[in-house]
Amino acid sequence: MMLEKFDNYQLLSKIATGGMAEIFLAKHINSPVNSMPIAIKKVLKQYSTNAALIKMFLAEARIICNISHENIVKIYDFGKFEDQYFIAMEYVFGQNLGSILNKMEQKGMKMPLNLTLEIMMNVLSGLDHAHNTKDKNGIFLNVVHLDMNPNNILISYDGKVKVV
């Protein structure tokens, strides 16, 4: 187990590394011992001085904080700690759709149509909600997901579908 302190969080283990960020399983330090784990998305250090990327990262966090839907991963916190930008978000106990599809393909399997349709209906419900979200003044936030792919669709072990 990793156990690294990062701002108000205890990083427990690395979950994944992507193109611009790495994601960790974590817990909030000031929460009870049995508190729900969260995910911390940290911008990779080599990108922390890229003003355009950081502006986009923080804008994404600000917008998503205003969106609440059962098919969208919740954002709890975001900011900067020791020159590294981060987002603290809901941790989904499960796997991303890309991993699931890859494992199925390796076994020569295909996802059944009814399951594919159920997943897509949940994804579309979340995206529709985000797209139609308004701010406190009733103005559309104009949310458009710019990286919609199977790796950004999480399927929990109890069947919930969430868009990252």
C-alpha atoms as a PDB file:
ATOM      1  CA  MET A   1       0.000   0.000   0.000  1.00  0.00           C
ATOM      2  CA  MET A   2       1.289   3.447  -0.984  1.00  0.00           C
ATOM      3  CA  LEU A   3       0.132   5.778   1.878  1.00  0.00           C
ATOM      4  CA  GLU A   4       1.365   9.132   0.600  1.00  0.00           C
ATOM      5  CA  LYS A   5      -0.117  12.366   1.982  1.00  0.00           C
ATOM      6  CA  PHE A   6      -1.379  14.744  -0.708  1.00  0.00           C
ATOM      7  CA  ASP A   7      -3.135  17.904   0.529  1.00  0.00           C
ATOM      8  CA  ASN A   8      -6.109  16.704   2.635  1.00  0.00           C
ATOM      9  CA  TYR A   9      -5.905  13.197   1.207  1.00  0.00           C
ATOM     10  CA  GLN A  10      -4.072   9.954   1.834  1.00  0.00           C
ATOM     11  CA  LEU A  11      -3.140   8.319  -1.470  1.00  0.00           C
ATOM     12  CA  LEU A  12      -3.543   4.560  -1.084  1.00  0.00           C
ATOM     13  CA  SER A  13      -2.542   3.219  -4.500  1.00  0.00           C
ATOM     14  CA  LYS A  14      -2.195   4.261  -8.139  1.00  0.00           C
ATOM     15  CA  ILE A  15      -5.163   3.199 -10.263  1.00  0.00           C
ATOM     16  CA  ALA A  16      -4.085   4.408 -13.702  1.00  0.00           C
ATOM     17  CA  THR A  17      -1.923   6.796 -15.690  1.00  0.00           C
ATOM     18  CA  GLY A  18      -3.306   8.506 -18.779  1.00  0.00           C
ATOM     19  CA  GLY A  19      -2.049  11.029 -21.278  1.00  0.00           C
ATOM     20  CA  MET A  20      -2.089  14.050 -18.964  1.00  0.00           C
ATOM     21  CA  ALA A  21      -2.927  12.723 -15.505  1.00  0.00           C
ATOM     22  CA  GLU A  22      -2.619   9.898 -13.052  1.00  0.00           C
ATOM     23  CA  ILE A  23      -5.414   8.598 -10.861  1.00  0.00           C
ATOM     24  CA  PHE A  24      -5.087   7.335  -7.298  1.00  0.00           C
ATOM     25  CA  LEU A  25      -7.327   5.545  -4.860  1.00  0.00           C
ATOM     26  CA  ALA A  26      -7.427   7.795  -1.780  1.00  0.00           C
ATOM     27  CA  LYS A  27      -9.210   8.715   1.432  1.00  0.00           C
ATOM     28  CA  HIS A  28      -9.866  12.113   2.947  1.00  0.00           C
ATOM     29  CA  ILE A  29      -7.565  12.482   5.963  1.00  0.00           C
ATOM     30  CA  ASN A  30     -10.151  14.178   8.204  1.00  0.00           C
ATOM     31  CA  SER A  31     -12.892  11.631   7.498  1.00  0.00           C
ATOM     32  CA  PRO A  32     -13.657   8.654   9.723  1.00  0.00           C
ATOM     33  CA  VAL A  33     -11.464   5.560   9.272  1.00  0.00           C
ATOM     34  CA  ASN A  34     -14.183   3.706   7.369  1.00  0.00           C
ATOM     35  CA  SER A  35     -14.989   6.615   5.064  1.00  0.00           C
ATOM     36  CA  MET A  36     -15.729   5.955   1.423  1.00  0.00           C
ATOM     37  CA  PRO A  37     -12.654   5.888  -0.768  1.00  0.00           C
ATOM     38  CA  ILE A  38     -12.331   8.568  -3.419  1.00  0.00           C
ATOM     39  CA  ALA A  39     -10.294   8.966  -6.583  1.00  0.00           C
ATOM     40  CA  ILE A  40      -7.690  11.711  -6.963  1.00  0.00           C
ATOM     41  CA  LYS A  41      -6.844  12.777 -10.519  1.00  0.00           C
ATOM     42  CA  LYS A  42      -3.490  14.588 -10.539  1.00  0.00           C
ATOM     43  CA  VAL A  43      -2.137  16.403 -13.569  1.00  0.00           C
ATOM     44  CA  LEU A  44       1.273  14.951 -14.416  1.00  0.00           C
ATOM     45  CA  LYS A  45       4.092  17.230 -13.273  1.00  0.00           C
ATOM     46  CA  GLN A  46       5.407  17.790 -16.805  1.00  0.00           C
ATOM     47  CA  TYR A  47       2.048  19.398 -17.704  1.00  0.00           C
ATOM     48  CA  SER A  48       1.648  21.544 -14.578  1.00  0.00           C
ATOM     49  CA  THR A  49       3.147  24.595 -16.333  1.00  0.00           C
ATOM     50  CA  ASN A  50       1.007  24.226 -19.483  1.00  0.00           C
ATOM     51  CA  ALA A  51      -1.348  27.177 -18.939  1.00  0.00           C
ATOM     52  CA  ALA A  52      -3.880  26.119 -21.594  1.00  0.00           C
ATOM     53  CA  LEU A  53      -4.127  22.579 -20.259  1.00  0.00           C
ATOM     54  CA  ILE A  54      -4.465  23.747 -16.638  1.00  0.00           C
ATOM     55  CA  LYS A  55      -7.129  26.268 -17.630  1.00  0.00           C
ATOM     56  CA  MET A  56      -9.093  23.482 -19.344  1.00  0.00           C
ATOM     57  CA  PHE A  57      -8.591  21.101 -16.383  1.00  0.00           C
ATOM     58  CA  LEU A  58      -9.857  23.649 -13.839  1.00  0.00           C
ATOM     59  CA  ALA A  59     -12.755  24.739 -16.071  1.00  0.00           C
ATOM     60  CA  GLU A  60     -13.794  21.083 -16.347  1.00  0.00           C
ATOM     61  CA  ALA A  61     -13.729  20.714 -12.553  1.00  0.00           C
ATOM     62  CA  ARG A  62     -15.725  23.924 -11.979  1.00  0.00           C
ATOM     63  CA  ILE A  63     -18.403  22.899 -14.466  1.00  0.00           C
ATOM     64  CA  ILE A  64     -18.729  19.313 -13.252  1.00  0.00           C
ATOM     65  CA  CYS A  65     -19.103  20.495  -9.641  1.00  0.00           C
ATOM     66  CA  ASN A  66     -22.425  22.012 -10.771  1.00  0.00           C
ATOM     67  CA  ILE A  67     -23.717  18.765 -12.260  1.00  0.00           C
ATOM     68  CA  SER A  68     -25.451  16.121 -10.199  1.00  0.00           C
ATOM     69  CA  HIS A  69     -26.706  12.998 -11.956  1.00  0.00           C
ATOM     70  CA  GLU A  70     -26.653   9.297 -11.124  1.00  0.00           C
ATOM     71  CA  ASN A  71     -24.717   8.556 -14.350  1.00  0.00           C
ATOM     72  CA  ILE A  72     -21.979  11.172 -13.870  1.00  0.00           C
ATOM     73  CA  VAL A  73     -19.034  10.785 -11.502  1.00  0.00           C
ATOM     74  CA  LYS A  74     -19.308  13.346  -8.681  1.00  0.00           C
ATOM     75  CA  ILE A  75     -16.544  15.907  -8.105  1.00  0.00           C
ATOM     76  CA  TYR A  76     -15.892  16.672  -4.422  1.00  0.00           C
ATOM     77  CA  ASP A  77     -12.919  19.021  -4.558  1.00  0.00           C
ATOM     78  CA  PHE A  78     -10.291  20.459  -6.883  1.00  0.00           C
ATOM     79  CA  GLY A  79      -7.294  22.721  -6.612  1.00  0.00           C
ATOM     80  CA  LYS A  80      -3.541  22.869  -6.463  1.00  0.00           C
ATOM     81  CA  PHE A  81      -1.170  21.276  -3.965  1.00  0.00           C
ATOM     82  CA  GLU A  82       2.604  21.676  -4.174  1.00  0.00           C
ATOM     83  CA  ASP A  83       2.501  22.816  -7.822  1.00  0.00           C
ATOM     84  CA  GLN A  84       0.276  19.905  -8.834  1.00  0.00           C
ATOM     85  CA  TYR A  85      -3.344  20.400  -9.890  1.00  0.00           C
ATOM     86  CA  PHE A  86      -5.904  17.783  -8.856  1.00  0.00           C
ATOM     87  CA  ILE A  87      -9.542  16.784  -8.788  1.00  0.00           C
ATOM     88  CA  ALA A  88     -11.011  14.686  -5.949  1.00  0.00           C
ATOM     89  CA  MET A  89     -13.924  12.647  -7.244  1.00  0.00           C
ATOM     90  CA  GLU A  90     -16.224   9.765  -6.550  1.00  0.00           C
ATOM     91  CA  TYR A  91     -14.519   6.378  -6.679  1.00  0.00           C
ATOM     92  CA  VAL A  92     -16.489   3.781  -8.599  1.00  0.00           C
ATOM     93  CA  PHE A  93     -15.915   0.187  -7.459  1.00  0.00           C
ATOM     94  CA  GLY A  94     -15.734  -1.478 -10.842  1.00  0.00           C
ATOM     95  CA  GLN A  95     -13.963  -1.246 -14.187  1.00  0.00           C
ATOM     96  CA  ASN A  96     -13.994   0.995 -17.201  1.00  0.00           C
ATOM     97  CA  LEU A  97     -15.874  -0.203 -20.261  1.00  0.00           C
ATOM     98  CA  GLY A  98     -12.677  -0.288 -22.344  1.00  0.00           C
ATOM     99  CA  SER A  99     -11.115  -2.860 -20.008  1.00  0.00           C
ATOM    100  CA  ILE A 100     -14.290  -4.925 -19.960  1.00  0.00           C
ATOM    101  CA  LEU A 101     -14.506  -4.954 -23.767  1.00  0.00           C
ATOM    102  CA  ASN A 102     -10.808  -5.855 -24.093  1.00  0.00           C
ATOM    103  CA  LYS A 103     -11.191  -8.801 -21.704  1.00  0.00           C
ATOM    104  CA  MET A 104     -14.271  -9.995 -23.562  1.00  0.00           C
ATOM    105  CA  GLU A 105     -12.482  -9.745 -26.907  1.00  0.00           C
ATOM    106  CA  GLN A 106      -9.517 -11.753 -25.571  1.00  0.00           C
ATOM    107  CA  LYS A 107     -11.945 -14.513 -24.642  1.00  0.00           C
ATOM    108  CA  GLY A 108     -13.673 -14.374 -28.035  1.00  0.00           C
ATOM    109  CA  MET A 109     -16.835 -12.933 -26.512  1.00  0.00           C
ATOM    110  CA  LYS A 110     -19.062 -10.037 -27.504  1.00  0.00           C
ATOM    111  CA  MET A 111     -21.227  -7.948 -25.227  1.00  0.00           C
ATOM    112  CA  PRO A 112     -24.897  -8.946 -25.514  1.00  0.00           C
ATOM    113  CA  LEU A 113     -27.065  -6.367 -27.302  1.00  0.00           C
ATOM    114  CA  ASN A 114     -29.407  -5.846 -24.331  1.00  0.00           C
ATOM    115  CA  LEU A 115     -26.441  -5.036 -22.060  1.00  0.00           C
ATOM    116  CA  THR A 116     -24.878  -2.747 -24.675  1.00  0.00           C
ATOM    117  CA  LEU A 117     -28.172  -0.861 -25.009  1.00  0.00           C
ATOM    118  CA  GLU A 118     -28.590  -0.568 -21.223  1.00  0.00           C
ATOM    119  CA  ILE A 119     -25.067   0.853 -20.832  1.00  0.00           C
ATOM    120  CA  MET A 120     -25.566   3.296 -23.702  1.00  0.00           C
ATOM    121  CA  MET A 121     -28.942   4.485 -22.340  1.00  0.00           C
ATOM    122  CA  ASN A 122     -27.258   5.276 -19.003  1.00  0.00           C
ATOM    123  CA  VAL A 123     -24.351   7.051 -20.725  1.00  0.00           C
ATOM    124  CA  LEU A 124     -26.737   9.064 -22.891  1.00  0.00           C
ATOM    125  CA  SER A 125     -28.867   9.957 -19.863  1.00  0.00           C
ATOM    126  CA  GLY A 126     -25.792  11.371 -18.100  1.00  0.00           C
ATOM    127  CA  LEU A 127     -24.569  13.211 -21.200  1.00  0.00           C
ATOM    128  CA  ASP A 128     -28.046  14.637 -21.876  1.00  0.00           C
ATOM    129  CA  HIS A 129     -28.271  15.904 -18.308  1.00  0.00           C
ATOM    130  CA  ALA A 130     -24.814  17.500 -18.525  1.00  0.00           C
ATOM    131  CA  HIS A 131     -25.593  19.061 -21.893  1.00  0.00           C
ATOM    132  CA  ASN A 132     -28.829  20.569 -20.577  1.00  0.00           C
ATOM    133  CA  THR A 133     -27.504  21.777 -17.215  1.00  0.00           C
ATOM    134  CA  LYS A 134     -28.061  25.451 -16.438  1.00  0.00           C
ATOM    135  CA  ASP A 135     -26.279  27.691 -13.952  1.00  0.00           C
ATOM    136  CA  LYS A 136     -28.046  29.441 -11.052  1.00  0.00           C
ATOM    137  CA  ASN A 137     -29.170  32.193 -13.474  1.00  0.00           C
ATOM    138  CA  GLY A 138     -30.818  29.708 -15.849  1.00  0.00           C
ATOM    139  CA  ILE A 139     -28.111  29.959 -18.493  1.00  0.00           C
ATOM    140  CA  PHE A 140     -26.993  26.749 -20.192  1.00  0.00           C
ATOM    141  CA  LEU A 141     -23.466  25.694 -19.215  1.00  0.00           C
ATOM    142  CA  ASN A 142     -22.927  24.336 -22.763  1.00  0.00           C
ATOM    143  CA  VAL A 143     -21.226  21.178 -21.517  1.00  0.00           C
ATOM    144  CA  VAL A 144     -19.834  18.947 -24.249  1.00  0.00           C
ATOM    145  CA  HIS A 145     -17.764  15.870 -23.371  1.00  0.00           C
ATOM    146  CA  LEU A 146     -14.608  16.150 -25.479  1.00  0.00           C
ATOM    147  CA  ASP A 147     -13.172  12.697 -24.765  1.00  0.00           C
ATOM    148  CA  MET A 148     -16.091  10.273 -24.869  1.00  0.00           C
ATOM    149  CA  ASN A 149     -14.586   6.809 -25.172  1.00  0.00           C
ATOM    150  CA  PRO A 150     -14.994   3.421 -23.407  1.00  0.00           C
ATOM    151  CA  ASN A 151     -12.250   4.245 -20.882  1.00  0.00           C
ATOM    152  CA  ASN A 152     -14.348   7.176 -19.618  1.00  0.00           C
ATOM    153  CA  ILE A 153     -17.373   4.983 -18.934  1.00  0.00           C
ATOM    154  CA  LEU A 154     -17.209   3.247 -15.565  1.00  0.00           C
ATOM    155  CA  ILE A 155     -19.293   0.194 -14.731  1.00  0.00           C
ATOM    156  CA  SER A 156     -19.582  -0.560 -11.024  1.00  0.00           C
ATOM    157  CA  TYR A 157     -19.644  -4.133  -9.784  1.00  0.00           C
ATOM    158  CA  ASP A 158     -23.290  -3.608  -8.829  1.00  0.00           C
ATOM    159  CA  GLY A 159     -24.214  -2.484 -12.360  1.00  0.00           C
ATOM    160  CA  LYS A 160     -24.199   1.321 -12.114  1.00  0.00           C
ATOM    161  CA  VAL A 161     -22.934   3.194 -15.167  1.00  0.00           C
ATOM    162  CA  LYS A 162     -21.052   6.476 -14.696  1.00  0.00           C
ATOM    163  CA  VAL A 163     -19.437   8.866 -17.171  1.00  0.00           C
ATOM    164  CA  VAL A 164     -16.099  10.394 -16.165  1.00  0.00           C
END
